[in-house]
Amino acid sequence: MSNSYPDALKLSRIALNALVGLNFAVGVLISFMLIGSIVAETWTMTALGAAHPGRAPALYLGMRLIMVLGIAAVPLAHVVLTRLLAIVETVRRGDPFVAENADRLQSIAWTVLALEVIHVAVGAIARAVSTTAVPLHIDWNFSVARSLAVLLLFVLARVFEHGTRMREELQATV
């Protein structure tokens, strides 16, 4: 199999590796923010634009819960990025239709679904703790595109699984 798009694959690998590092950095920053919100509550929450805790104690709790969910999303994003990186590597080698890629796509699909659940939880928390007097400005919305992407990933996992099985059967008959 010829490598029709070597630059695209190289760029994909570079971008995915950069995103792995960025994901880790974001996790560290959110962790520092969470620790700061506990150790230096007034300063950190003021820096984040939150009101004094006496006015809205639920707001601080909600913000901390959102930070915890942000930290929980980091390993999930890592799963997605590293599985994609492994798939790109099999494409670079010229053999993408392998059983491992079907498993990787299935894993990515479940992980993206989990990230969507976290996204909904963040929106629910923000809505629950936000008031007109002390609003929590988080732009949350339902996305049909993200939901379709999850479904597409599950379908692609099945396509890869079926393609791999068909190729193995063909090789067995030759």
C-alpha atoms as a PDB file:
ATOM      1  CA  MET A   1       0.000   0.000   0.000  1.00  0.00           C
ATOM      2  CA  SER A   2       1.413   3.362  -0.942  1.00  0.00           C
ATOM      3  CA  ASN A   3       1.582   6.171   1.540  1.00  0.00           C
ATOM      4  CA  SER A   4      -0.598   8.712  -0.308  1.00  0.00           C
ATOM      5  CA  TYR A   5      -0.614  11.348   2.409  1.00  0.00           C
ATOM      6  CA  PRO A   6       2.701  11.204   4.295  1.00  0.00           C
ATOM      7  CA  ASP A   7       2.518  14.886   5.269  1.00  0.00           C
ATOM      8  CA  ALA A   8      -1.011  14.515   6.669  1.00  0.00           C
ATOM      9  CA  LEU A   9       0.038  11.523   8.745  1.00  0.00           C
ATOM     10  CA  LYS A  10       3.152  13.292  10.003  1.00  0.00           C
ATOM     11  CA  LEU A  11       1.089  16.375  10.858  1.00  0.00           C
ATOM     12  CA  SER A  12      -1.500  14.201  12.608  1.00  0.00           C
ATOM     13  CA  ARG A  13       1.170  12.559  14.737  1.00  0.00           C
ATOM     14  CA  ILE A  14       2.682  15.932  15.640  1.00  0.00           C
ATOM     15  CA  ALA A  15      -0.731  17.417  16.472  1.00  0.00           C
ATOM     16  CA  LEU A  16      -1.795  14.421  18.555  1.00  0.00           C
ATOM     17  CA  ASN A  17       1.488  14.390  20.487  1.00  0.00           C
ATOM     18  CA  ALA A  18       1.107  18.125  21.131  1.00  0.00           C
ATOM     19  CA  LEU A  19      -2.469  17.584  22.321  1.00  0.00           C
ATOM     20  CA  VAL A  20      -1.334  14.829  24.697  1.00  0.00           C
ATOM     21  CA  GLY A  21       1.091  17.307  26.278  1.00  0.00           C
ATOM     22  CA  LEU A  22      -1.472  20.101  26.318  1.00  0.00           C
ATOM     23  CA  ASN A  23      -4.054  17.804  27.908  1.00  0.00           C
ATOM     24  CA  PHE A  24      -1.592  16.961  30.687  1.00  0.00           C
ATOM     25  CA  ALA A  25      -0.801  20.665  31.213  1.00  0.00           C
ATOM     26  CA  VAL A  26      -4.499  21.521  31.446  1.00  0.00           C
ATOM     27  CA  GLY A  27      -4.944  18.771  34.040  1.00  0.00           C
ATOM     28  CA  VAL A  28      -2.103  20.191  36.105  1.00  0.00           C
ATOM     29  CA  LEU A  29      -3.526  23.717  35.856  1.00  0.00           C
ATOM     30  CA  ILE A  30      -7.007  22.619  36.899  1.00  0.00           C
ATOM     31  CA  SER A  31      -5.480  20.679  39.798  1.00  0.00           C
ATOM     32  CA  PHE A  32      -3.622  23.801  40.943  1.00  0.00           C
ATOM     33  CA  MET A  33      -6.829  25.788  40.603  1.00  0.00           C
ATOM     34  CA  LEU A  34      -8.704  23.248  42.750  1.00  0.00           C
ATOM     35  CA  ILE A  35      -5.969  23.245  45.390  1.00  0.00           C
ATOM     36  CA  GLY A  36      -5.873  27.039  45.308  1.00  0.00           C
ATOM     37  CA  SER A  37      -9.641  27.195  45.781  1.00  0.00           C
ATOM     38  CA  ILE A  38      -9.195  25.260  49.020  1.00  0.00           C
ATOM     39  CA  VAL A  39      -5.925  26.718  50.346  1.00  0.00           C
ATOM     40  CA  ALA A  40      -6.471  30.331  49.268  1.00  0.00           C
ATOM     41  CA  GLU A  41     -10.224  30.300  48.761  1.00  0.00           C
ATOM     42  CA  THR A  42     -11.016  34.021  48.681  1.00  0.00           C
ATOM     43  CA  TRP A  43      -8.085  34.972  46.455  1.00  0.00           C
ATOM     44  CA  THR A  44      -8.604  32.105  43.969  1.00  0.00           C
ATOM     45  CA  MET A  45     -12.358  32.478  43.723  1.00  0.00           C
ATOM     46  CA  THR A  46     -12.049  36.251  43.344  1.00  0.00           C
ATOM     47  CA  ALA A  47      -9.501  35.707  40.574  1.00  0.00           C
ATOM     48  CA  LEU A  48     -12.026  33.379  38.918  1.00  0.00           C
ATOM     49  CA  GLY A  49     -14.679  36.083  39.163  1.00  0.00           C
ATOM     50  CA  ALA A  50     -16.753  34.486  41.906  1.00  0.00           C
ATOM     51  CA  ALA A  51     -18.546  36.407  44.618  1.00  0.00           C
ATOM     52  CA  HIS A  52     -17.680  36.381  48.296  1.00  0.00           C
ATOM     53  CA  PRO A  53     -18.507  32.943  49.797  1.00  0.00           C
ATOM     54  CA  GLY A  54     -21.025  34.398  52.246  1.00  0.00           C
ATOM     55  CA  ARG A  55     -23.220  35.453  49.312  1.00  0.00           C
ATOM     56  CA  ALA A  56     -23.190  32.148  47.463  1.00  0.00           C
ATOM     57  CA  PRO A  57     -21.600  29.153  49.222  1.00  0.00           C
ATOM     58  CA  ALA A  58     -23.202  26.770  46.708  1.00  0.00           C
ATOM     59  CA  LEU A  59     -21.363  28.592  43.922  1.00  0.00           C
ATOM     60  CA  TYR A  60     -17.978  27.711  45.413  1.00  0.00           C
ATOM     61  CA  LEU A  61     -18.998  24.091  45.843  1.00  0.00           C
ATOM     62  CA  GLY A  62     -20.271  23.976  42.272  1.00  0.00           C
ATOM     63  CA  MET A  63     -17.075  25.498  40.925  1.00  0.00           C
ATOM     64  CA  ARG A  64     -15.016  22.922  42.806  1.00  0.00           C
ATOM     65  CA  LEU A  65     -17.163  20.079  41.498  1.00  0.00           C
ATOM     66  CA  ILE A  66     -16.660  21.377  37.969  1.00  0.00           C
ATOM     67  CA  MET A  67     -12.894  21.458  38.592  1.00  0.00           C
ATOM     68  CA  VAL A  68     -13.015  17.828  39.794  1.00  0.00           C
ATOM     69  CA  LEU A  69     -14.904  16.867  36.641  1.00  0.00           C
ATOM     70  CA  GLY A  70     -12.314  18.751  34.587  1.00  0.00           C
ATOM     71  CA  ILE A  71      -9.561  16.740  36.249  1.00  0.00           C
ATOM     72  CA  ALA A  72     -11.527  13.525  35.635  1.00  0.00           C
ATOM     73  CA  ALA A  73     -11.793  14.408  31.940  1.00  0.00           C
ATOM     74  CA  VAL A  74      -8.004  14.564  31.536  1.00  0.00           C
ATOM     75  CA  PRO A  75      -7.337  10.792  31.617  1.00  0.00           C
ATOM     76  CA  LEU A  76     -10.357  10.262  29.381  1.00  0.00           C
ATOM     77  CA  ALA A  77      -9.006  12.712  26.827  1.00  0.00           C
ATOM     78  CA  HIS A  78      -5.641  10.946  27.141  1.00  0.00           C
ATOM     79  CA  VAL A  79      -7.308   7.653  26.180  1.00  0.00           C
ATOM     80  CA  VAL A  80      -8.845   9.242  23.083  1.00  0.00           C
ATOM     81  CA  LEU A  81      -5.616  10.933  22.007  1.00  0.00           C
ATOM     82  CA  THR A  82      -3.330   7.936  22.534  1.00  0.00           C
ATOM     83  CA  ARG A  83      -5.731   5.553  20.780  1.00  0.00           C
ATOM     84  CA  LEU A  84      -5.933   7.950  17.830  1.00  0.00           C
ATOM     85  CA  LEU A  85      -2.142   8.146  17.800  1.00  0.00           C
ATOM     86  CA  ALA A  86      -1.946   4.341  17.671  1.00  0.00           C
ATOM     87  CA  ILE A  87      -4.453   4.261  14.780  1.00  0.00           C
ATOM     88  CA  VAL A  88      -2.437   6.874  12.884  1.00  0.00           C
ATOM     89  CA  GLU A  89       0.651   4.724  13.408  1.00  0.00           C
ATOM     90  CA  THR A  90      -1.038   1.683  11.840  1.00  0.00           C
ATOM     91  CA  VAL A  91      -2.075   3.847   8.874  1.00  0.00           C
ATOM     92  CA  ARG A  92       1.530   5.045   8.543  1.00  0.00           C
ATOM     93  CA  ARG A  93       2.694   1.426   8.473  1.00  0.00           C
ATOM     94  CA  GLY A  94       0.119   0.724   5.747  1.00  0.00           C
ATOM     95  CA  ASP A  95      -2.095  -1.688   7.699  1.00  0.00           C
ATOM     96  CA  PRO A  96      -5.010   0.140   9.368  1.00  0.00           C
ATOM     97  CA  PHE A  97      -7.527  -2.717   9.171  1.00  0.00           C
ATOM     98  CA  VAL A  98      -6.336  -4.656  12.180  1.00  0.00           C
ATOM     99  CA  ALA A  99      -8.406  -5.945  15.085  1.00  0.00           C
ATOM    100  CA  GLU A 100      -6.599  -3.599  17.474  1.00  0.00           C
ATOM    101  CA  ASN A 101      -7.943  -0.555  15.595  1.00  0.00           C
ATOM    102  CA  ALA A 102     -11.511  -1.845  15.910  1.00  0.00           C
ATOM    103  CA  ASP A 103     -10.895  -2.176  19.656  1.00  0.00           C
ATOM    104  CA  ARG A 104      -9.310   1.286  19.752  1.00  0.00           C
ATOM    105  CA  LEU A 105     -12.289   2.863  17.994  1.00  0.00           C
ATOM    106  CA  GLN A 106     -14.667   1.094  20.381  1.00  0.00           C
ATOM    107  CA  SER A 107     -12.632   2.409  23.311  1.00  0.00           C
ATOM    108  CA  ILE A 108     -12.640   5.922  21.837  1.00  0.00           C
ATOM    109  CA  ALA A 109     -16.421   5.753  21.351  1.00  0.00           C
ATOM    110  CA  TRP A 110     -17.069   4.791  24.989  1.00  0.00           C
ATOM    111  CA  THR A 111     -14.597   7.401  26.199  1.00  0.00           C
ATOM    112  CA  VAL A 112     -16.136  10.186  24.119  1.00  0.00           C
ATOM    113  CA  LEU A 113     -19.534   9.130  25.475  1.00  0.00           C
ATOM    114  CA  ALA A 114     -18.126   9.440  29.013  1.00  0.00           C
ATOM    115  CA  LEU A 115     -16.767  12.887  28.151  1.00  0.00           C
ATOM    116  CA  GLU A 116     -20.232  13.880  26.942  1.00  0.00           C
ATOM    117  CA  VAL A 117     -21.725  12.713  30.258  1.00  0.00           C
ATOM    118  CA  ILE A 118     -19.175  14.897  32.050  1.00  0.00           C
ATOM    119  CA  HIS A 119     -20.143  17.766  29.756  1.00  0.00           C
ATOM    120  CA  VAL A 120     -23.805  17.357  30.729  1.00  0.00           C
ATOM    121  CA  ALA A 121     -22.851  17.128  34.422  1.00  0.00           C
ATOM    122  CA  VAL A 122     -20.898  20.401  34.179  1.00  0.00           C
ATOM    123  CA  GLY A 123     -23.913  22.077  32.604  1.00  0.00           C
ATOM    124  CA  ALA A 124     -26.232  20.709  35.284  1.00  0.00           C
ATOM    125  CA  ILE A 125     -23.943  21.848  38.093  1.00  0.00           C
ATOM    126  CA  ALA A 126     -23.557  25.301  36.585  1.00  0.00           C
ATOM    127  CA  ARG A 127     -27.309  25.647  36.201  1.00  0.00           C
ATOM    128  CA  ALA A 128     -27.930  24.396  39.749  1.00  0.00           C
ATOM    129  CA  VAL A 129     -25.552  26.813  41.495  1.00  0.00           C
ATOM    130  CA  SER A 130     -25.969  29.857  39.288  1.00  0.00           C
ATOM    131  CA  THR A 131     -28.362  32.587  40.378  1.00  0.00           C
ATOM    132  CA  THR A 132     -29.192  35.961  38.923  1.00  0.00           C
ATOM    133  CA  ALA A 133     -27.456  37.590  41.877  1.00  0.00           C
ATOM    134  CA  VAL A 134     -24.369  35.380  41.573  1.00  0.00           C
ATOM    135  CA  PRO A 135     -24.201  33.859  38.085  1.00  0.00           C
ATOM    136  CA  LEU A 136     -21.827  31.144  36.979  1.00  0.00           C
ATOM    137  CA  HIS A 137     -21.095  31.848  33.339  1.00  0.00           C
ATOM    138  CA  ILE A 138     -20.555  28.510  31.644  1.00  0.00           C
ATOM    139  CA  ASP A 139     -21.729  28.294  28.077  1.00  0.00           C
ATOM    140  CA  TRP A 140     -23.266  24.839  28.029  1.00  0.00           C
ATOM    141  CA  ASN A 141     -25.455  23.451  25.300  1.00  0.00           C
ATOM    142  CA  PHE A 142     -26.557  20.173  23.823  1.00  0.00           C
ATOM    143  CA  SER A 143     -24.817  19.346  20.567  1.00  0.00           C
ATOM    144  CA  VAL A 144     -26.323  17.068  17.964  1.00  0.00           C
ATOM    145  CA  ALA A 145     -22.918  16.952  16.252  1.00  0.00           C
ATOM    146  CA  ARG A 146     -21.173  15.558  19.345  1.00  0.00           C
ATOM    147  CA  SER A 147     -23.926  12.977  19.806  1.00  0.00           C
ATOM    148  CA  LEU A 148     -23.642  11.939  16.168  1.00  0.00           C
ATOM    149  CA  ALA A 149     -19.858  11.734  16.521  1.00  0.00           C
ATOM    150  CA  VAL A 150     -20.277   9.198  19.325  1.00  0.00           C
ATOM    151  CA  LEU A 151     -22.639   7.124  17.176  1.00  0.00           C
ATOM    152  CA  LEU A 152     -20.261   7.407  14.220  1.00  0.00           C
ATOM    153  CA  LEU A 153     -17.385   6.117  16.342  1.00  0.00           C
ATOM    154  CA  PHE A 154     -19.384   3.053  17.385  1.00  0.00           C
ATOM    155  CA  VAL A 155     -20.312   2.399  13.738  1.00  0.00           C
ATOM    156  CA  LEU A 156     -16.709   2.859  12.572  1.00  0.00           C
ATOM    157  CA  ALA A 157     -15.541   0.401  15.225  1.00  0.00           C
ATOM    158  CA  ARG A 158     -17.947  -2.181  13.760  1.00  0.00           C
ATOM    159  CA  VAL A 159     -16.815  -1.358  10.210  1.00  0.00           C
ATOM    160  CA  PHE A 160     -13.170  -1.890  11.174  1.00  0.00           C
ATOM    161  CA  GLU A 161     -14.048  -5.113  12.967  1.00  0.00           C
ATOM    162  CA  HIS A 162     -15.992  -6.408   9.955  1.00  0.00           C
ATOM    163  CA  GLY A 163     -13.290  -5.269   7.501  1.00  0.00           C
ATOM    164  CA  THR A 164     -10.608  -7.006   9.527  1.00  0.00           C
ATOM    165  CA  ARG A 165     -12.630 -10.218   9.689  1.00  0.00           C
ATOM    166  CA  MET A 166     -13.299 -10.109   5.925  1.00  0.00           C
ATOM    167  CA  ARG A 167      -9.599  -9.572   5.182  1.00  0.00           C
ATOM    168  CA  GLU A 168      -8.614 -12.481   7.436  1.00  0.00           C
ATOM    169  CA  GLU A 169     -11.164 -14.739   5.703  1.00  0.00           C
ATOM    170  CA  LEU A 170      -9.876 -13.659   2.285  1.00  0.00           C
ATOM    171  CA  GLN A 171      -6.274 -14.343   3.288  1.00  0.00           C
ATOM    172  CA  ALA A 172      -7.295 -17.780   4.588  1.00  0.00           C
ATOM    173  CA  THR A 173      -8.813 -18.706   1.214  1.00  0.00           C
ATOM    174  CA  VAL A 174      -5.831 -17.542  -0.858  1.00  0.00           C
END
